[in-house]
Amino acid sequence: MVRIMKLYLALGDSITAGYGVESPFSFPNVYASFLRRHNPDLSMLNFGINGLTTSGLLNLLKTNQRLRHSLAQAFLITLTIGSNDLLRLIGNPNQPIKTSQLPIIQGNMSKTLMQIGQEIRLLNPVATVKVATLYNPLPGGPYAYYYAQVQGIIDNANAMIVMGAKHYGFIVVNLDREIKGKESLFIGQDHAHPSAAGYQMIAKAFARY
């Protein structure tokens, strides 16, 4: 009997790349280990890139042949994207948020998220695609002053993510709800990226949705 190996493709930014922890503790690796309990032949490809924006991901989807081939073969795709688009609004902790740029950034992000969904579905109409919402890491750390203002911006971005997901039949993984109120448990020492416990939680959330 010939076994067909199943491919899980992890796409996205530093959350997918596993910034701040060793590779085995990144959420895609932990999630893949859960999946292998039922799919022992599963293979996983982590295409997470630190600092990746929505426009950067769209460019990769259009031009990177290895990624395009892998995406076409995948039965499962996870996606974390958008945070780096919004980080352009914050200069340093001593400067106000650049609200004048917000409409432009949000407009570009909304358009690009739809284009990303379209490209994924053109390459692979049938894969299960799970996309994460953005979370607010700011209750602690140097940017705590911005918490309330940033929450509104993140809520708007998450509405775009949910809208695009519904349009293309993607599953939404509500990381913002998973982390809210538990930031001290799940956010690492840089007050931005998940801790090891945070990545474990993210893997469990992707498994549960």
Protein backbone atom coordinates (compact mmCIF):
# COMPACT_ATOMS: atom_id res chain seq x y z
CA MET A 1 0.00 0.00 0.00
CA VAL A 2 1.39 3.42 -1.01
CA ARG A 3 1.10 6.10 1.66
CA ILE A 4 0.49 9.68 0.57
CA MET A 5 2.36 12.13 2.77
CA LYS A 6 0.25 15.08 3.89
CA LEU A 7 1.80 18.56 3.93
CA TYR A 8 1.04 21.23 6.52
CA LEU A 9 2.28 24.67 5.39
CA ALA A 10 2.76 27.43 7.98
CA LEU A 11 2.74 30.92 6.46
CA GLY A 12 3.31 34.27 8.10
CA ASP A 13 5.42 36.58 10.20
CA SER A 14 7.54 36.16 13.34
CA ILE A 15 4.65 34.50 15.20
CA THR A 16 4.84 31.65 12.69
CA ALA A 17 8.65 31.75 12.55
CA GLY A 18 8.72 31.25 16.34
CA TYR A 19 10.67 34.39 17.23
CA GLY A 20 12.18 34.17 20.71
CA VAL A 21 12.15 30.39 21.15
CA GLU A 22 14.06 27.42 19.75
CA SER A 23 12.56 25.91 16.59
CA PRO A 24 10.95 22.86 18.30
CA PHE A 25 8.87 25.25 20.45
CA SER A 26 7.44 27.32 17.59
CA PHE A 27 3.68 26.94 17.30
CA PRO A 28 3.79 25.21 13.87
CA ASN A 29 6.14 22.55 15.23
CA VAL A 30 3.98 22.00 18.31
CA TYR A 31 0.81 21.95 16.19
CA ALA A 32 2.40 19.48 13.76
CA SER A 33 3.22 17.18 16.68
CA PHE A 34 -0.48 17.22 17.65
CA LEU A 35 -1.50 16.44 14.06
CA ARG A 36 0.92 13.52 13.77
CA ARG A 37 -1.03 11.64 16.43
CA HIS A 38 -3.64 11.04 13.72
CA ASN A 39 -1.48 11.63 10.64
CA PRO A 40 1.89 9.98 11.32
CA ASP A 41 3.02 10.68 7.74
CA LEU A 42 2.45 14.42 8.05
CA SER A 43 5.24 16.73 6.92
CA MET A 44 5.47 20.39 7.94
CA LEU A 45 7.05 23.33 6.15
CA ASN A 46 7.47 26.55 8.15
CA PHE A 47 7.55 29.57 5.85
CA GLY A 48 7.39 32.11 8.67
CA ILE A 49 9.59 35.19 8.15
CA ASN A 50 10.39 37.75 10.84
CA GLY A 51 9.06 41.19 9.95
CA LEU A 52 6.85 39.96 7.10
CA THR A 53 4.03 42.32 6.10
CA THR A 54 0.88 41.58 4.13
CA SER A 55 2.44 43.07 0.97
CA GLY A 56 5.60 41.02 1.55
CA LEU A 57 3.56 37.83 1.84
CA LEU A 58 1.55 38.64 -1.29
CA ASN A 59 4.78 39.17 -3.22
CA LEU A 60 6.11 35.79 -2.02
CA LEU A 61 2.88 34.06 -3.01
CA LYS A 62 3.17 35.49 -6.51
CA THR A 63 6.91 35.01 -7.12
CA ASN A 64 8.40 32.27 -4.91
CA GLN A 65 8.12 29.05 -6.91
CA ARG A 66 8.99 26.76 -3.98
CA LEU A 67 6.28 28.37 -1.88
CA ARG A 68 3.73 28.22 -4.69
CA HIS A 69 4.44 24.53 -5.29
CA SER A 70 4.21 23.73 -1.56
CA LEU A 71 1.00 25.69 -1.17
CA ALA A 72 -0.60 23.83 -4.06
CA GLN A 73 0.30 20.50 -2.39
CA ALA A 74 -0.78 21.37 1.17
CA PHE A 75 -3.87 19.92 2.83
CA LEU A 76 -3.60 22.40 5.72
CA ILE A 77 -2.34 26.01 5.79
CA THR A 78 -2.00 28.30 8.80
CA LEU A 79 -1.50 32.04 8.54
CA THR A 80 -0.40 34.80 10.93
CA ILE A 81 -0.04 38.19 9.23
CA GLY A 82 -0.80 41.87 9.75
CA SER A 83 1.03 42.89 12.92
CA ASN A 84 4.01 44.35 11.06
CA ASP A 85 1.73 46.52 8.93
CA LEU A 86 0.42 48.15 12.13
CA LEU A 87 3.85 48.48 13.75
CA ARG A 88 4.61 51.19 11.20
CA LEU A 89 2.29 53.43 13.23
CA ILE A 90 4.56 53.35 16.29
CA GLY A 91 7.92 55.07 16.20
CA ASN A 92 9.23 54.79 19.74
CA PRO A 93 7.61 54.87 23.22
CA ASN A 94 8.14 58.63 23.50
CA GLN A 95 6.26 59.53 20.32
CA PRO A 96 2.53 59.52 19.65
CA ILE A 97 1.05 56.98 17.26
CA LYS A 98 1.15 58.24 13.68
CA THR A 99 -2.61 58.36 13.29
CA SER A 100 -2.36 60.40 10.06
CA GLN A 101 -1.01 57.27 8.34
CA LEU A 102 -3.70 55.00 9.74
CA PRO A 103 -6.28 55.28 6.90
CA ILE A 104 -3.61 54.55 4.27
CA ILE A 105 -2.17 51.58 6.18
CA GLN A 106 -5.62 50.15 6.93
CA GLY A 107 -6.77 50.60 3.32
CA ASN A 108 -3.69 48.89 1.93
CA MET A 109 -3.93 46.10 4.50
CA SER A 110 -7.60 45.41 3.73
CA LYS A 111 -6.94 45.25 -0.02
CA THR A 112 -3.82 43.09 0.38
CA LEU A 113 -5.50 40.61 2.74
CA MET A 114 -8.16 40.00 0.07
CA GLN A 115 -5.46 39.53 -2.57
CA ILE A 116 -3.64 37.04 -0.31
CA GLY A 117 -6.85 35.05 0.09
CA GLN A 118 -7.42 35.09 -3.64
CA GLU A 119 -3.88 33.90 -4.39
CA ILE A 120 -4.10 31.08 -1.83
CA ARG A 121 -7.40 29.87 -3.29
CA LEU A 122 -6.14 30.12 -6.88
CA LEU A 123 -3.22 27.87 -5.98
CA ASN A 124 -5.19 25.56 -3.69
CA PRO A 125 -9.01 25.63 -3.78
CA VAL A 126 -9.49 22.79 -1.30
CA ALA A 127 -6.98 23.06 1.55
CA THR A 128 -8.15 23.86 5.06
CA VAL A 129 -6.83 27.37 5.79
CA LYS A 130 -6.71 28.72 9.35
CA VAL A 131 -5.91 32.39 9.87
CA ALA A 132 -5.17 34.01 13.24
CA THR A 133 -6.49 37.32 14.49
CA LEU A 134 -4.02 39.86 15.87
CA TYR A 135 -3.55 40.27 19.62
CA ASN A 136 -2.69 43.29 21.73
CA PRO A 137 0.50 42.65 23.76
CA LEU A 138 0.67 46.10 25.30
CA PRO A 139 -0.77 46.00 28.88
CA GLY A 140 2.82 45.68 30.09
CA GLY A 141 6.11 47.02 28.82
CA PRO A 142 7.27 50.27 27.29
CA TYR A 143 4.21 50.74 25.07
CA ALA A 144 1.56 50.25 27.79
CA TYR A 145 0.49 53.88 27.44
CA TYR A 146 -0.85 53.08 23.97
CA TYR A 147 -2.97 50.10 25.05
CA ALA A 148 -6.45 51.56 24.56
CA GLN A 149 -5.62 53.33 21.29
CA VAL A 150 -3.89 50.28 19.86
CA GLN A 151 -6.82 48.05 20.85
CA GLY A 152 -9.14 50.03 18.59
CA ILE A 153 -6.68 49.75 15.69
CA ILE A 154 -6.29 46.00 16.24
CA ASP A 155 -10.08 45.53 16.42
CA ASN A 156 -10.40 47.20 13.01
CA ALA A 157 -7.61 45.03 11.58
CA ASN A 158 -9.24 41.89 12.96
CA ALA A 159 -12.53 42.86 11.31
CA MET A 160 -10.63 42.92 7.99
CA ILE A 161 -9.07 39.52 8.72
CA VAL A 162 -12.46 38.01 9.57
CA MET A 163 -14.09 39.52 6.47
CA GLY A 164 -11.40 38.11 4.18
CA ALA A 165 -11.53 34.74 5.90
CA LYS A 166 -15.29 34.46 5.43
CA HIS A 167 -15.00 35.44 1.78
CA TYR A 168 -12.51 32.67 1.01
CA GLY A 169 -13.81 30.00 3.37
CA PHE A 170 -10.94 30.24 5.85
CA ILE A 171 -11.28 29.33 9.53
CA VAL A 172 -10.62 32.20 11.98
CA VAL A 173 -8.52 31.41 15.06
CA ASN A 174 -9.28 34.12 17.62
CA LEU A 175 -5.88 34.60 19.25
CA ASP A 176 -6.93 37.98 20.60
CA ARG A 177 -9.55 36.28 22.78
CA GLU A 178 -7.11 33.57 23.87
CA ILE A 179 -4.49 36.08 25.06
CA LYS A 180 -6.61 38.94 26.42
CA GLY A 181 -6.24 39.14 30.20
CA LYS A 182 -3.49 36.50 30.22
CA GLU A 183 -0.69 38.58 28.70
CA SER A 184 1.65 37.93 31.63
CA LEU A 185 1.37 34.19 30.97
CA PHE A 186 1.66 34.20 27.20
CA ILE A 187 3.75 37.24 26.16
CA GLY A 188 7.55 37.02 26.30
CA GLN A 189 10.13 39.38 27.75
CA ASP A 190 10.15 41.64 24.69
CA HIS A 191 6.50 42.54 25.48
CA ALA A 192 5.52 41.70 21.90
CA HIS A 193 6.12 38.07 20.91
CA PRO A 194 4.75 35.00 22.65
CA SER A 195 6.66 33.16 25.35
CA ALA A 196 7.17 29.40 25.05
CA ALA A 197 3.87 29.00 26.92
CA GLY A 198 2.31 31.44 24.49
CA TYR A 199 3.40 29.44 21.46
CA GLN A 200 2.05 26.28 23.12
CA MET A 201 -1.28 28.05 23.64
CA ILE A 202 -1.35 29.20 20.00
CA ALA A 203 -0.74 25.63 18.79
CA LYS A 204 -3.62 24.40 20.96
CA ALA A 205 -5.87 27.17 19.64
CA PHE A 206 -5.13 26.22 16.02
CA ALA A 207 -5.82 22.59 16.89
CA ARG A 208 -9.12 23.45 18.57
CA TYR A 209 -10.65 25.68 15.88
